[in-house]
Structures are given as structure tokens and as C-alpha cells.
């Protein structure tokens, strides 16, 4: 079951990750939230991160603990 976060407006977001290649050729993992479950959905928040909600838009973001 993918990790789900429901914001103050009642909208549910699911946590995903993806490996991207940077301009220098280095690979980096990015984390993002989407309203539907897509390929790359994660079951839990990565170690060292917490989920916070932005005050202005209500979007969830990952923040280093």
C-alpha cells in the first residue's frame, strides 16, 4: 500500500520516487507527491525525512529531519 498523506483540504496525495540523470551524468533520487498512484510509488517515507504541508497551498513536501 503506497504511503498516503491527506492535507487540511481533504485531498489525498501519494509519495513516489524516481531516479533522474543530472547534466553531469550523476544519478539522483527525487521524491514527489501525486494525487493518483503511479509507477514508483513508495510504501513509506524515506529514512531521515518527514512530511510537512505547505501553509499557502496545502501541498505535502518532504523535509529533511
N, C-alpha and C. Protein backbone atom coordinates (compact mmCIF):
# COMPACT_ATOMS: atom_id res chain seq x y z
N UNK A 1 0.85 -1.18 0.00
CA UNK A 1 0.00 0.00 0.00
C UNK A 1 0.89 1.24 0.00
N UNK A 2 0.75 2.11 -1.00
CA UNK A 2 1.58 3.31 -1.07
C UNK A 2 1.31 4.26 0.09
N UNK A 3 2.35 5.01 0.46
CA UNK A 3 2.23 5.99 1.54
C UNK A 3 1.28 7.10 1.08
N UNK A 4 0.26 7.39 1.89
CA UNK A 4 -0.73 8.42 1.56
C UNK A 4 -0.71 9.51 2.61
N UNK A 5 -0.91 10.74 2.15
CA UNK A 5 -0.98 11.90 3.04
C UNK A 5 -2.22 12.70 2.64
N UNK A 6 -3.08 12.99 3.62
CA UNK A 6 -4.27 13.79 3.37
C UNK A 6 -4.06 15.16 3.98
N UNK A 7 -4.20 16.21 3.15
CA UNK A 7 -3.96 17.57 3.63
C UNK A 7 -5.18 18.15 4.32
N UNK A 8 -5.07 19.41 4.76
CA UNK A 8 -6.15 20.04 5.51
C UNK A 8 -7.41 20.27 4.68
N UNK A 9 -7.27 20.23 3.35
CA UNK A 9 -8.41 20.40 2.46
C UNK A 9 -9.11 19.07 2.16
N UNK A 10 -8.52 17.96 2.62
CA UNK A 10 -9.11 16.65 2.41
C UNK A 10 -8.64 15.95 1.14
N UNK A 11 -7.61 16.48 0.48
CA UNK A 11 -7.09 15.88 -0.73
C UNK A 11 -5.98 14.90 -0.36
N UNK A 12 -6.03 13.69 -0.92
CA UNK A 12 -5.04 12.66 -0.63
C UNK A 12 -3.96 12.65 -1.69
N UNK A 13 -2.70 12.61 -1.25
CA UNK A 13 -1.53 12.56 -2.13
C UNK A 13 -0.73 11.31 -1.81
N UNK A 14 -0.08 10.73 -2.83
CA UNK A 14 0.71 9.52 -2.67
C UNK A 14 2.17 9.82 -2.98
N UNK A 15 3.07 9.26 -2.17
CA UNK A 15 4.50 9.51 -2.31
C UNK A 15 5.12 8.60 -3.37
N UNK A 16 5.96 9.20 -4.24
CA UNK A 16 6.65 8.49 -5.31
C UNK A 16 8.12 8.86 -5.33
N UNK A 17 8.91 8.04 -6.00
CA UNK A 17 10.32 8.37 -6.22
C UNK A 17 10.69 8.01 -7.64
N UNK A 18 11.77 8.65 -8.11
CA UNK A 18 12.25 8.40 -9.46
C UNK A 18 13.75 8.69 -9.50
N UNK A 19 14.48 7.90 -10.27
CA UNK A 19 15.90 8.15 -10.50
C UNK A 19 16.03 9.03 -11.74
N UNK A 20 16.72 10.16 -11.59
CA UNK A 20 16.93 11.06 -12.72
C UNK A 20 18.43 11.22 -12.95
N UNK A 21 18.79 11.48 -14.19
CA UNK A 21 20.18 11.70 -14.54
C UNK A 21 20.42 13.20 -14.65
N UNK A 22 21.36 13.71 -13.87
CA UNK A 22 21.68 15.13 -13.89
C UNK A 22 22.59 15.45 -15.08
N UNK A 23 22.79 16.72 -15.35
CA UNK A 23 23.58 17.14 -16.51
C UNK A 23 25.00 16.57 -16.48
N UNK A 24 25.59 16.46 -15.32
CA UNK A 24 26.94 15.93 -15.21
C UNK A 24 27.02 14.42 -15.32
N UNK A 25 25.88 13.75 -15.48
CA UNK A 25 25.84 12.31 -15.60
C UNK A 25 25.55 11.59 -14.30
N UNK A 26 25.51 12.32 -13.19
CA UNK A 26 25.25 11.72 -11.89
C UNK A 26 23.77 11.36 -11.77
N UNK A 27 23.50 10.20 -11.15
CA UNK A 27 22.12 9.78 -10.90
C UNK A 27 21.68 10.27 -9.53
N UNK A 28 20.44 10.75 -9.42
CA UNK A 28 19.90 11.25 -8.16
C UNK A 28 18.46 10.80 -8.01
N UNK A 29 18.07 10.47 -6.79
CA UNK A 29 16.70 10.08 -6.50
C UNK A 29 15.90 11.31 -6.13
N UNK A 30 14.76 11.50 -6.80
CA UNK A 30 13.87 12.59 -6.44
C UNK A 30 12.60 11.99 -5.85
N UNK A 31 11.98 12.73 -4.94
CA UNK A 31 10.74 12.31 -4.30
C UNK A 31 9.67 13.34 -4.63
N UNK A 32 8.45 12.87 -4.91
CA UNK A 32 7.35 13.78 -5.22
C UNK A 32 6.02 13.15 -4.81
N UNK A 33 5.02 14.00 -4.67
CA UNK A 33 3.67 13.56 -4.33
C UNK A 33 2.76 13.74 -5.54
N UNK A 34 1.84 12.80 -5.75
CA UNK A 34 0.87 12.86 -6.83
C UNK A 34 -0.49 12.47 -6.27
N UNK A 35 -1.55 12.93 -6.92
CA UNK A 35 -2.90 12.64 -6.46
C UNK A 35 -3.33 11.20 -6.74
N UNK A 36 -2.70 10.54 -7.71
CA UNK A 36 -3.03 9.15 -8.01
C UNK A 36 -1.77 8.30 -7.86
N UNK A 37 -1.99 7.01 -7.71
CA UNK A 37 -0.87 6.07 -7.58
C UNK A 37 -0.30 5.81 -8.97
N UNK A 38 1.01 6.01 -9.12
CA UNK A 38 1.71 5.81 -10.38
C UNK A 38 2.84 4.82 -10.16
N UNK A 39 3.51 4.39 -11.23
CA UNK A 39 4.71 3.56 -11.05
C UNK A 39 5.75 4.32 -10.23
N UNK A 40 6.40 3.64 -9.32
CA UNK A 40 7.40 4.27 -8.48
C UNK A 40 6.85 4.70 -7.12
N UNK A 41 5.63 4.28 -6.78
CA UNK A 41 5.03 4.64 -5.50
C UNK A 41 5.81 3.97 -4.36
N UNK A 42 6.00 4.70 -3.27
CA UNK A 42 6.73 4.20 -2.10
C UNK A 42 5.76 3.80 -1.00
N UNK A 43 6.15 2.78 -0.24
CA UNK A 43 5.32 2.30 0.86
C UNK A 43 5.54 3.09 2.14
N UNK A 44 6.65 3.80 2.26
CA UNK A 44 6.95 4.53 3.48
C UNK A 44 7.82 5.73 3.16
N UNK A 45 7.88 6.68 4.09
CA UNK A 45 8.72 7.87 3.95
C UNK A 45 10.18 7.43 4.09
N UNK A 46 11.08 7.93 3.23
CA UNK A 46 12.49 7.55 3.32
C UNK A 46 13.09 7.95 4.67
N UNK A 47 14.08 7.19 5.11
CA UNK A 47 14.74 7.48 6.39
C UNK A 47 15.38 8.86 6.34
N UNK A 48 15.21 9.61 7.42
CA UNK A 48 15.79 10.93 7.52
C UNK A 48 14.90 12.04 6.99
N UNK A 49 13.68 11.73 6.56
CA UNK A 49 12.76 12.73 6.03
C UNK A 49 11.46 12.72 6.84
N UNK A 50 10.77 13.86 6.83
CA UNK A 50 9.43 13.97 7.40
C UNK A 50 8.54 14.66 6.38
N UNK A 51 7.25 14.43 6.48
CA UNK A 51 6.29 15.06 5.57
C UNK A 51 5.70 16.28 6.26
N UNK A 52 5.74 17.42 5.58
CA UNK A 52 5.12 18.65 6.08
C UNK A 52 4.20 19.19 4.99
N UNK A 53 3.23 19.98 5.41
CA UNK A 53 2.27 20.57 4.49
C UNK A 53 2.57 22.05 4.35
N UNK A 54 2.61 22.55 3.11
CA UNK A 54 2.85 23.97 2.91
C UNK A 54 1.64 24.76 3.38
N UNK A 55 1.89 25.86 4.05
CA UNK A 55 0.80 26.65 4.62
C UNK A 55 -0.05 27.32 3.54
N UNK A 56 0.58 27.76 2.47
CA UNK A 56 -0.13 28.51 1.44
C UNK A 56 -1.00 27.64 0.54
N UNK A 57 -0.45 26.51 0.05
CA UNK A 57 -1.18 25.70 -0.93
C UNK A 57 -1.71 24.38 -0.38
N UNK A 58 -1.20 23.93 0.76
CA UNK A 58 -1.63 22.66 1.32
C UNK A 58 -0.96 21.45 0.69
N UNK A 59 0.02 21.67 -0.19
CA UNK A 59 0.74 20.57 -0.83
C UNK A 59 1.71 19.94 0.16
N UNK A 60 1.79 18.62 0.18
CA UNK A 60 2.79 17.96 1.04
C UNK A 60 4.16 18.00 0.39
N UNK A 61 5.21 18.13 1.22
CA UNK A 61 6.58 18.09 0.75
C UNK A 61 7.39 17.29 1.74
N UNK A 62 8.52 16.76 1.29
CA UNK A 62 9.44 16.06 2.17
C UNK A 62 10.48 17.04 2.67
N UNK A 63 10.77 16.96 3.95
CA UNK A 63 11.75 17.83 4.57
C UNK A 63 12.71 16.95 5.34
N UNK A 64 14.01 17.28 5.25
CA UNK A 64 15.00 16.50 6.00
C UNK A 64 14.76 16.70 7.48
N UNK A 65 14.80 15.59 8.22
CA UNK A 65 14.53 15.63 9.66
C UNK A 65 15.70 16.26 10.42
